[in-house]
Amino acid sequence: MSSKLVVNTKLLLTAVLASVIAFPPAQAQSVQANKSSAVPAGKARAPVVPQRYRQNRMPPKARQYYAVMWGVDSLAVKSVESGEIIRFTYRVLDAAKAKVLNDKKNEPSLIDPGAGVKLVVPSLEKVGKLRQSSTPEAGKVYWMAFSNKGRYVKPGHRVSVEIGPFRADGLIVQ
């Protein structure tokens, strides 16, 4: 009796597996056939391109806050140079409000609470600090580079950038 049960179970499992494998392609073909018949003759459809989920989008309220309070938008943090450097970029909308971000007296830092690190802008002998500190102009994009020696900060991490009184929280490293 138990051998019949094992044989019946194997047959049932085989039938279910075969129907799962065979049925989706047939269903997909019938759906495509129905869609192609709905297209008028002589008109070609554009190919469907899947869109990627953009997790680095900043909420509209946050963008509005940085634009109104600090005169900047398009805040972005990106891992470059094989992860050895983290680049922070921003676009200036109001030069007077954004002056704080370019002030040489304000030491910038990038904080990753998940990794437990605080990165700083390195200073090279002949080049100086790896940041732009000229007088900001509206419409221009500015950057600064943080040293990520040890590669603690990785793409996908949420970080904060502090420059004097300015603080941008929840930026996602690309």
N, C-alpha and C. Protein backbone atom coordinates (compact mmCIF):
# COMPACT_ATOMS: atom_id res chain seq x y z
N MET A 1 0.81 -1.19 0.00
CA MET A 1 0.00 0.00 0.00
C MET A 1 0.86 1.26 0.00
N SER A 2 1.94 1.29 0.76
CA SER A 2 2.79 2.47 0.81
C SER A 2 3.54 2.68 -0.49
N SER A 3 3.87 1.61 -1.22
CA SER A 3 4.56 1.78 -2.50
C SER A 3 3.64 2.41 -3.53
N LYS A 4 2.32 2.09 -3.46
CA LYS A 4 1.35 2.73 -4.37
C LYS A 4 1.24 4.22 -4.05
N LEU A 5 1.27 4.52 -2.78
CA LEU A 5 1.19 5.92 -2.36
C LEU A 5 2.39 6.71 -2.86
N VAL A 6 3.57 6.12 -2.78
CA VAL A 6 4.79 6.77 -3.26
C VAL A 6 4.72 6.97 -4.77
N VAL A 7 4.26 5.95 -5.51
CA VAL A 7 4.15 6.03 -6.96
C VAL A 7 3.13 7.10 -7.34
N ASN A 8 1.97 7.12 -6.67
CA ASN A 8 0.94 8.12 -6.95
C ASN A 8 1.43 9.53 -6.64
N THR A 9 2.17 9.67 -5.56
CA THR A 9 2.71 10.98 -5.19
C THR A 9 3.72 11.46 -6.24
N LYS A 10 4.57 10.54 -6.71
CA LYS A 10 5.55 10.91 -7.74
C LYS A 10 4.84 11.31 -9.03
N LEU A 11 3.78 10.58 -9.42
CA LEU A 11 3.04 10.91 -10.63
C LEU A 11 2.37 12.28 -10.49
N LEU A 12 1.77 12.51 -9.35
CA LEU A 12 1.10 13.79 -9.12
C LEU A 12 2.11 14.94 -9.15
N LEU A 13 3.25 14.74 -8.50
CA LEU A 13 4.29 15.76 -8.49
C LEU A 13 4.82 16.02 -9.90
N THR A 14 5.00 14.98 -10.68
CA THR A 14 5.47 15.11 -12.06
C THR A 14 4.46 15.88 -12.91
N ALA A 15 3.17 15.55 -12.73
CA ALA A 15 2.12 16.23 -13.50
C ALA A 15 2.06 17.71 -13.15
N VAL A 16 2.14 18.03 -11.88
CA VAL A 16 2.09 19.43 -11.44
C VAL A 16 3.30 20.19 -11.97
N LEU A 17 4.47 19.58 -11.87
CA LEU A 17 5.69 20.22 -12.34
C LEU A 17 5.65 20.44 -13.86
N ALA A 18 5.15 19.46 -14.59
CA ALA A 18 5.06 19.59 -16.05
C ALA A 18 4.07 20.68 -16.44
N SER A 19 2.97 20.80 -15.71
CA SER A 19 1.98 21.84 -16.05
C SER A 19 2.52 23.23 -15.72
N VAL A 20 3.30 23.35 -14.67
CA VAL A 20 3.88 24.65 -14.31
C VAL A 20 4.90 25.08 -15.36
N ILE A 21 5.68 24.13 -15.84
CA ILE A 21 6.69 24.45 -16.84
C ILE A 21 6.06 24.75 -18.19
N ALA A 22 5.04 24.00 -18.59
CA ALA A 22 4.46 24.13 -19.92
C ALA A 22 3.44 25.25 -20.04
N PHE A 23 2.73 25.57 -18.98
CA PHE A 23 1.63 26.53 -19.10
C PHE A 23 2.04 27.99 -19.27
N PRO A 24 2.99 28.56 -18.51
CA PRO A 24 3.30 29.99 -18.67
C PRO A 24 3.70 30.40 -20.08
N PRO A 25 4.55 29.65 -20.81
CA PRO A 25 4.87 30.10 -22.17
C PRO A 25 3.64 30.15 -23.07
N ALA A 26 2.73 29.19 -22.92
CA ALA A 26 1.52 29.20 -23.75
C ALA A 26 0.66 30.40 -23.42
N GLN A 27 0.55 30.74 -22.14
CA GLN A 27 -0.24 31.89 -21.73
C GLN A 27 0.40 33.19 -22.24
N ALA A 28 1.70 33.30 -22.14
CA ALA A 28 2.39 34.51 -22.59
C ALA A 28 2.23 34.69 -24.09
N GLN A 29 2.26 33.60 -24.86
CA GLN A 29 2.09 33.71 -26.30
C GLN A 29 0.69 34.16 -26.65
N SER A 30 -0.31 33.67 -25.92
CA SER A 30 -1.68 34.07 -26.25
C SER A 30 -1.91 35.54 -25.91
N VAL A 31 -1.32 36.02 -24.85
CA VAL A 31 -1.46 37.43 -24.49
C VAL A 31 -0.79 38.31 -25.53
N GLN A 32 0.40 37.91 -25.98
CA GLN A 32 1.09 38.68 -27.00
C GLN A 32 0.32 38.67 -28.31
N ALA A 33 -0.28 37.54 -28.65
CA ALA A 33 -1.05 37.45 -29.89
C ALA A 33 -2.26 38.39 -29.82
N ASN A 34 -2.92 38.45 -28.65
CA ASN A 34 -4.07 39.34 -28.51
C ASN A 34 -3.66 40.80 -28.60
N LYS A 35 -2.51 41.15 -28.02
CA LYS A 35 -2.06 42.54 -28.05
C LYS A 35 -1.65 42.96 -29.46
N SER A 36 -0.99 42.04 -30.19
CA SER A 36 -0.53 42.41 -31.52
C SER A 36 -1.69 42.58 -32.49
N SER A 37 -2.81 41.90 -32.25
CA SER A 37 -3.96 42.06 -33.14
C SER A 37 -4.64 43.40 -32.91
N ALA A 38 -4.45 44.01 -31.74
CA ALA A 38 -5.09 45.29 -31.44
C ALA A 38 -4.36 46.47 -32.09
N VAL A 39 -3.11 46.28 -32.54
CA VAL A 39 -2.33 47.35 -33.15
C VAL A 39 -2.78 47.52 -34.59
N PRO A 40 -3.14 48.74 -35.00
CA PRO A 40 -3.55 48.98 -36.38
C PRO A 40 -2.43 48.64 -37.36
N ALA A 41 -2.83 48.22 -38.54
CA ALA A 41 -1.85 47.84 -39.56
C ALA A 41 -1.04 49.06 -39.97
N GLY A 42 0.26 48.87 -40.18
CA GLY A 42 1.13 49.94 -40.64
C GLY A 42 1.75 50.74 -39.51
N LYS A 43 1.35 50.52 -38.26
CA LYS A 43 1.94 51.26 -37.13
C LYS A 43 2.76 50.29 -36.28
N ALA A 44 4.01 50.61 -36.12
CA ALA A 44 4.89 49.77 -35.31
C ALA A 44 4.90 50.29 -33.88
N ARG A 45 4.93 49.36 -32.94
CA ARG A 45 4.99 49.74 -31.53
C ARG A 45 6.44 49.90 -31.11
N ALA A 46 6.66 50.82 -30.20
CA ALA A 46 8.00 51.02 -29.64
C ALA A 46 8.29 49.86 -28.68
N PRO A 47 9.53 49.40 -28.63
CA PRO A 47 9.86 48.32 -27.71
C PRO A 47 9.70 48.78 -26.26
N VAL A 48 9.28 47.85 -25.43
CA VAL A 48 9.09 48.15 -24.01
C VAL A 48 10.43 48.04 -23.32
N VAL A 49 10.84 49.13 -22.65
CA VAL A 49 12.11 49.17 -21.93
C VAL A 49 11.78 49.23 -20.44
N PRO A 50 12.23 48.23 -19.68
CA PRO A 50 11.94 48.25 -18.24
C PRO A 50 12.65 49.42 -17.56
N GLN A 51 11.97 50.06 -16.62
CA GLN A 51 12.57 51.16 -15.88
C GLN A 51 13.06 50.64 -14.55
N ARG A 52 14.22 51.10 -14.16
CA ARG A 52 14.80 50.69 -12.89
C ARG A 52 14.21 51.53 -11.77
N TYR A 53 14.06 50.93 -10.63
CA TYR A 53 13.60 51.64 -9.45
C TYR A 53 14.72 52.56 -8.99
N ARG A 54 14.41 53.83 -8.85
CA ARG A 54 15.43 54.80 -8.43
C ARG A 54 15.28 55.06 -6.94
N GLN A 55 16.12 54.39 -6.16
CA GLN A 55 16.04 54.53 -4.72
C GLN A 55 16.69 55.80 -4.20
N ASN A 56 17.42 56.49 -5.05
CA ASN A 56 18.13 57.67 -4.58
C ASN A 56 17.32 58.95 -4.70
N ARG A 57 16.06 58.83 -4.99
CA ARG A 57 15.21 60.00 -5.10
C ARG A 57 14.98 60.61 -3.73
N MET A 58 15.16 61.90 -3.64
CA MET A 58 14.93 62.62 -2.41
C MET A 58 13.46 63.05 -2.39
N PRO A 59 12.79 62.95 -1.25
CA PRO A 59 11.40 63.38 -1.18
C PRO A 59 11.25 64.85 -1.58
N PRO A 60 10.14 65.21 -2.22
CA PRO A 60 9.94 66.59 -2.66
C PRO A 60 10.05 67.62 -1.54
N LYS A 61 9.56 67.28 -0.35
CA LYS A 61 9.64 68.22 0.79
C LYS A 61 11.09 68.48 1.17
N ALA A 62 11.93 67.45 1.13
CA ALA A 62 13.34 67.63 1.47
C ALA A 62 14.04 68.49 0.42
N ARG A 63 13.74 68.24 -0.86
CA ARG A 63 14.34 69.06 -1.92
C ARG A 63 13.93 70.52 -1.75
N GLN A 64 12.68 70.73 -1.42
CA GLN A 64 12.17 72.10 -1.22
C GLN A 64 12.88 72.75 -0.02
N TYR A 65 13.08 71.98 1.04
CA TYR A 65 13.76 72.50 2.23
C TYR A 65 15.18 72.97 1.89
N TYR A 66 15.96 72.12 1.21
CA TYR A 66 17.33 72.49 0.87
C TYR A 66 17.37 73.67 -0.10
N ALA A 67 16.40 73.76 -0.98
CA ALA A 67 16.36 74.88 -1.93
C ALA A 67 16.03 76.18 -1.22
N VAL A 68 15.07 76.16 -0.30
CA VAL A 68 14.63 77.37 0.39
C VAL A 68 15.63 77.80 1.47
N MET A 69 16.08 76.85 2.28
CA MET A 69 16.95 77.19 3.42
C MET A 69 18.42 77.39 3.02
N TRP A 70 18.93 76.58 2.12
CA TRP A 70 20.36 76.59 1.81
C TRP A 70 20.68 77.00 0.38
N GLY A 71 19.67 77.15 -0.46
CA GLY A 71 19.89 77.60 -1.84
C GLY A 71 20.57 76.57 -2.72
N VAL A 72 20.39 75.28 -2.43
CA VAL A 72 21.00 74.21 -3.23
C VAL A 72 19.96 73.14 -3.56
N ASP A 73 20.23 72.39 -4.63
CA ASP A 73 19.43 71.22 -4.95
C ASP A 73 20.32 70.20 -5.64
N SER A 74 19.75 69.13 -6.12
CA SER A 74 20.49 68.05 -6.80
C SER A 74 21.62 67.51 -5.92
N LEU A 75 21.35 67.29 -4.66
CA LEU A 75 22.36 66.73 -3.76
C LEU A 75 22.58 65.27 -4.14
N ALA A 76 23.84 64.87 -4.29
CA ALA A 76 24.15 63.50 -4.66
C ALA A 76 25.46 63.06 -4.01
N VAL A 77 25.52 61.79 -3.65
CA VAL A 77 26.73 61.20 -3.07
C VAL A 77 27.04 59.97 -3.91
N LYS A 78 28.29 59.90 -4.40
CA LYS A 78 28.66 58.80 -5.28
C LYS A 78 30.03 58.24 -4.91
N SER A 79 30.14 56.93 -4.96
CA SER A 79 31.41 56.26 -4.73
C SER A 79 32.19 56.26 -6.04
N VAL A 80 33.42 56.79 -6.01
CA VAL A 80 34.26 56.87 -7.22
C VAL A 80 35.64 56.30 -6.92
N GLU A 81 36.44 56.16 -7.96
CA GLU A 81 37.81 55.66 -7.83
C GLU A 81 37.85 54.33 -7.06
N SER A 82 37.04 53.38 -7.51
CA SER A 82 36.99 52.04 -6.92
C SER A 82 36.63 52.07 -5.43
N GLY A 83 35.86 53.06 -5.03
CA GLY A 83 35.40 53.14 -3.65
C GLY A 83 36.34 53.84 -2.71
N GLU A 84 37.49 54.31 -3.18
CA GLU A 84 38.46 55.00 -2.31
C GLU A 84 38.05 56.44 -2.01
N ILE A 85 37.17 57.00 -2.84
CA ILE A 85 36.72 58.38 -2.66
C ILE A 85 35.20 58.41 -2.76
N ILE A 86 34.58 59.21 -1.90
CA ILE A 86 33.15 59.45 -1.96
C ILE A 86 32.97 60.91 -2.36
N ARG A 87 32.28 61.16 -3.48
CA ARG A 87 32.11 62.52 -4.00
C ARG A 87 30.70 63.02 -3.68
N PHE A 88 30.64 64.19 -3.07
CA PHE A 88 29.38 64.87 -2.77
C PHE A 88 29.24 66.03 -3.73
N THR A 89 28.11 66.09 -4.45
CA THR A 89 27.88 67.19 -5.39
C THR A 89 26.55 67.86 -5.08
N TYR A 90 26.46 69.14 -5.46
CA TYR A 90 25.23 69.91 -5.27
C TYR A 90 25.21 71.03 -6.29
N ARG A 91 24.01 71.47 -6.65
CA ARG A 91 23.86 72.59 -7.58
C ARG A 91 23.37 73.80 -6.80
N VAL A 92 23.97 74.93 -7.07
CA VAL A 92 23.63 76.16 -6.36
C VAL A 92 22.46 76.85 -7.07
N LEU A 93 21.43 77.19 -6.29
CA LEU A 93 20.30 77.96 -6.79
C LEU A 93 20.40 79.42 -6.36
N ASP A 94 20.77 79.62 -5.10
CA ASP A 94 20.90 80.96 -4.53
C ASP A 94 22.31 81.09 -3.94
N ALA A 95 23.14 81.88 -4.58
CA ALA A 95 24.54 81.99 -4.19
C ALA A 95 24.72 82.52 -2.77
N ALA A 96 23.88 83.43 -2.33
CA ALA A 96 24.01 84.01 -0.99
C ALA A 96 23.75 82.95 0.09
N LYS A 97 22.73 82.13 -0.11
CA LYS A 97 22.40 81.10 0.88
C LYS A 97 23.40 79.95 0.85
N ALA A 98 23.94 79.65 -0.32
CA ALA A 98 24.86 78.52 -0.47
C ALA A 98 26.29 78.86 -0.09
N LYS A 99 26.55 80.10 0.28
CA LYS A 99 27.90 80.54 0.62
C LYS A 99 28.49 79.71 1.76
N VAL A 100 27.66 79.26 2.68
CA VAL A 100 28.10 78.46 3.83
C VAL A 100 28.78 77.16 3.37
N LEU A 101 28.28 76.56 2.30
CA LEU A 101 28.82 75.29 1.83
C LEU A 101 30.21 75.43 1.23
N ASN A 102 30.53 76.58 0.68
CA ASN A 102 31.83 76.79 0.05
C ASN A 102 32.82 77.51 0.96
N ASP A 103 32.43 77.85 2.17
CA ASP A 103 33.30 78.57 3.09
C ASP A 103 34.46 77.67 3.53
N LYS A 104 35.70 78.17 3.37
CA LYS A 104 36.89 77.40 3.73
C LYS A 104 36.97 77.12 5.23
N LYS A 105 36.36 77.97 6.03
CA LYS A 105 36.42 77.81 7.49
C LYS A 105 35.58 76.63 7.98
N ASN A 106 34.56 76.26 7.23
CA ASN A 106 33.69 75.14 7.62
C ASN A 106 34.27 73.82 7.13
N GLU A 107 34.63 72.96 8.06
CA GLU A 107 35.20 71.66 7.71
C GLU A 107 34.08 70.67 7.40
N PRO A 108 34.03 70.16 6.16
CA PRO A 108 32.98 69.20 5.82
C PRO A 108 33.30 67.80 6.34
N SER A 109 32.26 67.05 6.64
CA SER A 109 32.43 65.65 7.03
C SER A 109 31.25 64.85 6.51
N LEU A 110 31.52 63.60 6.19
CA LEU A 110 30.50 62.67 5.72
C LEU A 110 30.38 61.59 6.78
N ILE A 111 29.17 61.40 7.29
CA ILE A 111 28.95 60.46 8.40
C ILE A 111 28.11 59.30 7.91
N ASP A 112 28.61 58.08 8.15
CA ASP A 112 27.87 56.86 7.83
C ASP A 112 27.61 56.14 9.15
N PRO A 113 26.40 56.30 9.72
CA PRO A 113 26.13 55.67 11.01
C PRO A 113 26.12 54.14 10.93
N GLY A 114 25.75 53.59 9.78
CA GLY A 114 25.74 52.13 9.63
C GLY A 114 27.13 51.54 9.70
N ALA A 115 28.10 52.19 9.08
CA ALA A 115 29.49 51.71 9.10
C ALA A 115 30.23 52.24 10.32
N GLY A 116 29.66 53.27 10.97
CA GLY A 116 30.30 53.85 12.15
C GLY A 116 31.53 54.66 11.83
N VAL A 117 31.51 55.38 10.71
CA VAL A 117 32.68 56.17 10.32
C VAL A 117 32.28 57.62 10.03
N LYS A 118 33.28 58.49 10.15
CA LYS A 118 33.13 59.90 9.80
C LYS A 118 34.29 60.23 8.87
N LEU A 119 33.97 60.50 7.60
CA LEU A 119 35.00 60.78 6.60
C LEU A 119 35.25 62.28 6.50
N VAL A 120 36.49 62.65 6.16
CA VAL A 120 36.87 64.05 6.01
C VAL A 120 37.42 64.27 4.61
N VAL A 121 37.49 65.54 4.23
CA VAL A 121 38.07 65.92 2.94
C VAL A 121 39.59 65.93 3.12
N PRO A 122 40.32 65.13 2.31
CA PRO A 122 41.76 65.09 2.47
C PRO A 122 42.43 66.35 1.92
N SER A 123 43.60 66.64 2.44
CA SER A 123 44.38 67.79 1.98
C SER A 123 45.69 67.26 1.40
N LEU A 124 45.92 67.57 0.14
CA LEU A 124 47.15 67.14 -0.54
C LEU A 124 48.17 68.28 -0.53
N GLU A 125 49.46 67.93 -0.56
CA GLU A 125 50.53 68.92 -0.47
C GLU A 125 50.44 70.01 -1.53
N LYS A 126 50.43 69.59 -2.78
CA LYS A 126 50.47 70.57 -3.87
C LYS A 126 49.10 71.04 -4.32
N VAL A 127 48.07 70.28 -4.04
CA VAL A 127 46.74 70.60 -4.52
C VAL A 127 45.90 71.31 -3.46
N GLY A 128 46.06 70.92 -2.22
CA GLY A 128 45.24 71.47 -1.14
C GLY A 128 44.05 70.57 -0.87
N LYS A 129 42.99 71.13 -0.31
CA LYS A 129 41.78 70.37 0.01
C LYS A 129 41.08 69.94 -1.27
N LEU A 130 40.53 68.74 -1.26
CA LEU A 130 39.80 68.24 -2.42
C LEU A 130 38.34 68.70 -2.35
N ARG A 131 38.17 70.00 -2.50
CA ARG A 131 36.83 70.60 -2.52
C ARG A 131 36.90 71.95 -3.21
N GLN A 132 35.78 72.40 -3.69
CA GLN A 132 35.70 73.72 -4.30
C GLN A 132 35.31 74.71 -3.22
N SER A 133 36.05 75.79 -3.13
CA SER A 133 35.75 76.78 -2.11
C SER A 133 35.69 78.19 -2.68
N SER A 134 35.44 78.29 -3.96
CA SER A 134 35.30 79.62 -4.59
C SER A 134 33.92 80.18 -4.25
N THR A 135 33.72 81.43 -4.58
CA THR A 135 32.42 82.06 -4.34
C THR A 135 31.38 81.37 -5.22
N PRO A 136 30.30 80.87 -4.62
CA PRO A 136 29.31 80.13 -5.40
C PRO A 136 28.55 81.02 -6.39
N GLU A 137 28.22 80.43 -7.53
CA GLU A 137 27.42 81.11 -8.55
C GLU A 137 26.19 80.28 -8.83
N ALA A 138 25.05 80.94 -8.98
CA ALA A 138 23.79 80.25 -9.24
C ALA A 138 23.87 79.47 -10.55
N GLY A 139 23.36 78.23 -10.52
CA GLY A 139 23.32 77.39 -11.71
C GLY A 139 24.52 76.47 -11.86
N LYS A 140 25.58 76.68 -11.08
CA LYS A 140 26.77 75.85 -11.21
C LYS A 140 26.72 74.68 -10.22
N VAL A 141 27.38 73.60 -10.61
CA VAL A 141 27.46 72.40 -9.76
C VAL A 141 28.82 72.39 -9.06
N TYR A 142 28.82 72.15 -7.77
CA TYR A 142 30.03 72.12 -6.96
C TYR A 142 30.20 70.73 -6.35
N TRP A 143 31.42 70.40 -5.98
CA TRP A 143 31.71 69.07 -5.44
C TRP A 143 32.75 69.15 -4.34
N MET A 144 32.83 68.06 -3.60
CA MET A 144 33.91 67.84 -2.65
C MET A 144 34.10 66.33 -2.53
N ALA A 145 35.34 65.94 -2.28
CA ALA A 145 35.67 64.52 -2.23
C ALA A 145 36.10 64.14 -0.82
N PHE A 146 35.54 63.05 -0.32
CA PHE A 146 35.86 62.54 1.01
C PHE A 146 36.71 61.28 0.85
N SER A 147 37.75 61.17 1.66
CA SER A 147 38.62 60.00 1.62
C SER A 147 37.91 58.82 2.28
N ASN A 148 37.82 57.71 1.57
CA ASN A 148 37.15 56.51 2.07
C ASN A 148 38.17 55.37 2.15
N LYS A 149 39.31 55.66 2.79
CA LYS A 149 40.36 54.66 2.92
C LYS A 149 39.81 53.50 3.76
N GLY A 150 39.95 52.31 3.26
CA GLY A 150 39.39 51.15 3.93
C GLY A 150 38.03 50.77 3.35
N ARG A 151 37.49 51.64 2.51
CA ARG A 151 36.21 51.40 1.81
C ARG A 151 35.09 51.00 2.77
N TYR A 152 34.94 51.77 3.84
CA TYR A 152 33.87 51.49 4.80
C TYR A 152 32.51 51.90 4.26
N VAL A 153 32.47 53.02 3.56
CA VAL A 153 31.21 53.51 2.99
C VAL A 153 31.06 52.87 1.61
N LYS A 154 29.92 52.22 1.40
CA LYS A 154 29.68 51.49 0.15
C LYS A 154 28.41 52.00 -0.53
N PRO A 155 28.28 51.75 -1.84
CA PRO A 155 27.03 52.13 -2.52
C PRO A 155 25.83 51.48 -1.84
N GLY A 156 24.77 52.28 -1.71
CA GLY A 156 23.56 51.81 -1.03
C GLY A 156 23.45 52.27 0.41
N HIS A 157 24.56 52.69 1.02
CA HIS A 157 24.53 53.17 2.40
C HIS A 157 23.85 54.54 2.46
N ARG A 158 23.18 54.80 3.57
CA ARG A 158 22.58 56.12 3.83
C ARG A 158 23.57 56.92 4.67
N VAL A 159 23.89 58.12 4.19
CA VAL A 159 24.89 58.94 4.86
C VAL A 159 24.36 60.35 5.10
N SER A 160 25.08 61.08 5.94
CA SER A 160 24.79 62.49 6.20
C SER A 160 26.04 63.29 5.87
N VAL A 161 25.82 64.50 5.36
CA VAL A 161 26.93 65.40 5.05
C VAL A 161 26.76 66.64 5.90
N GLU A 162 27.83 67.01 6.63
CA GLU A 162 27.82 68.21 7.47
C GLU A 162 28.89 69.17 6.98
N ILE A 163 28.47 70.43 6.79
CA ILE A 163 29.41 71.50 6.43
C ILE A 163 29.02 72.71 7.27
N GLY A 164 29.71 72.90 8.38
CA GLY A 164 29.33 73.98 9.29
C GLY A 164 27.91 73.74 9.80
N PRO A 165 27.03 74.73 9.68
CA PRO A 165 25.65 74.55 10.14
C PRO A 165 24.79 73.73 9.16
N PHE A 166 25.24 73.53 7.96
CA PHE A 166 24.50 72.76 6.95
C PHE A 166 24.59 71.27 7.27
N ARG A 167 23.46 70.58 7.15
CA ARG A 167 23.43 69.13 7.33
C ARG A 167 22.40 68.54 6.38
N ALA A 168 22.84 67.57 5.59
CA ALA A 168 21.95 66.85 4.68
C ALA A 168 21.92 65.39 5.15
N ASP A 169 20.75 64.91 5.56
CA ASP A 169 20.60 63.57 6.09
C ASP A 169 19.95 62.63 5.06
N GLY A 170 20.26 61.36 5.21
CA GLY A 170 19.57 60.33 4.43
C GLY A 170 19.95 60.26 2.96
N LEU A 171 21.12 60.78 2.59
CA LEU A 171 21.56 60.69 1.20
C LEU A 171 22.05 59.27 0.93
N ILE A 172 21.68 58.71 -0.19
CA ILE A 172 22.07 57.34 -0.52
C ILE A 172 23.28 57.36 -1.45
N VAL A 173 24.31 56.62 -1.08
CA VAL A 173 25.53 56.55 -1.88
C VAL A 173 25.24 55.73 -3.13
N GLN A 174 25.56 56.30 -4.28
CA GLN A 174 25.35 55.60 -5.55
C GLN A 174 26.58 54.83 -5.94
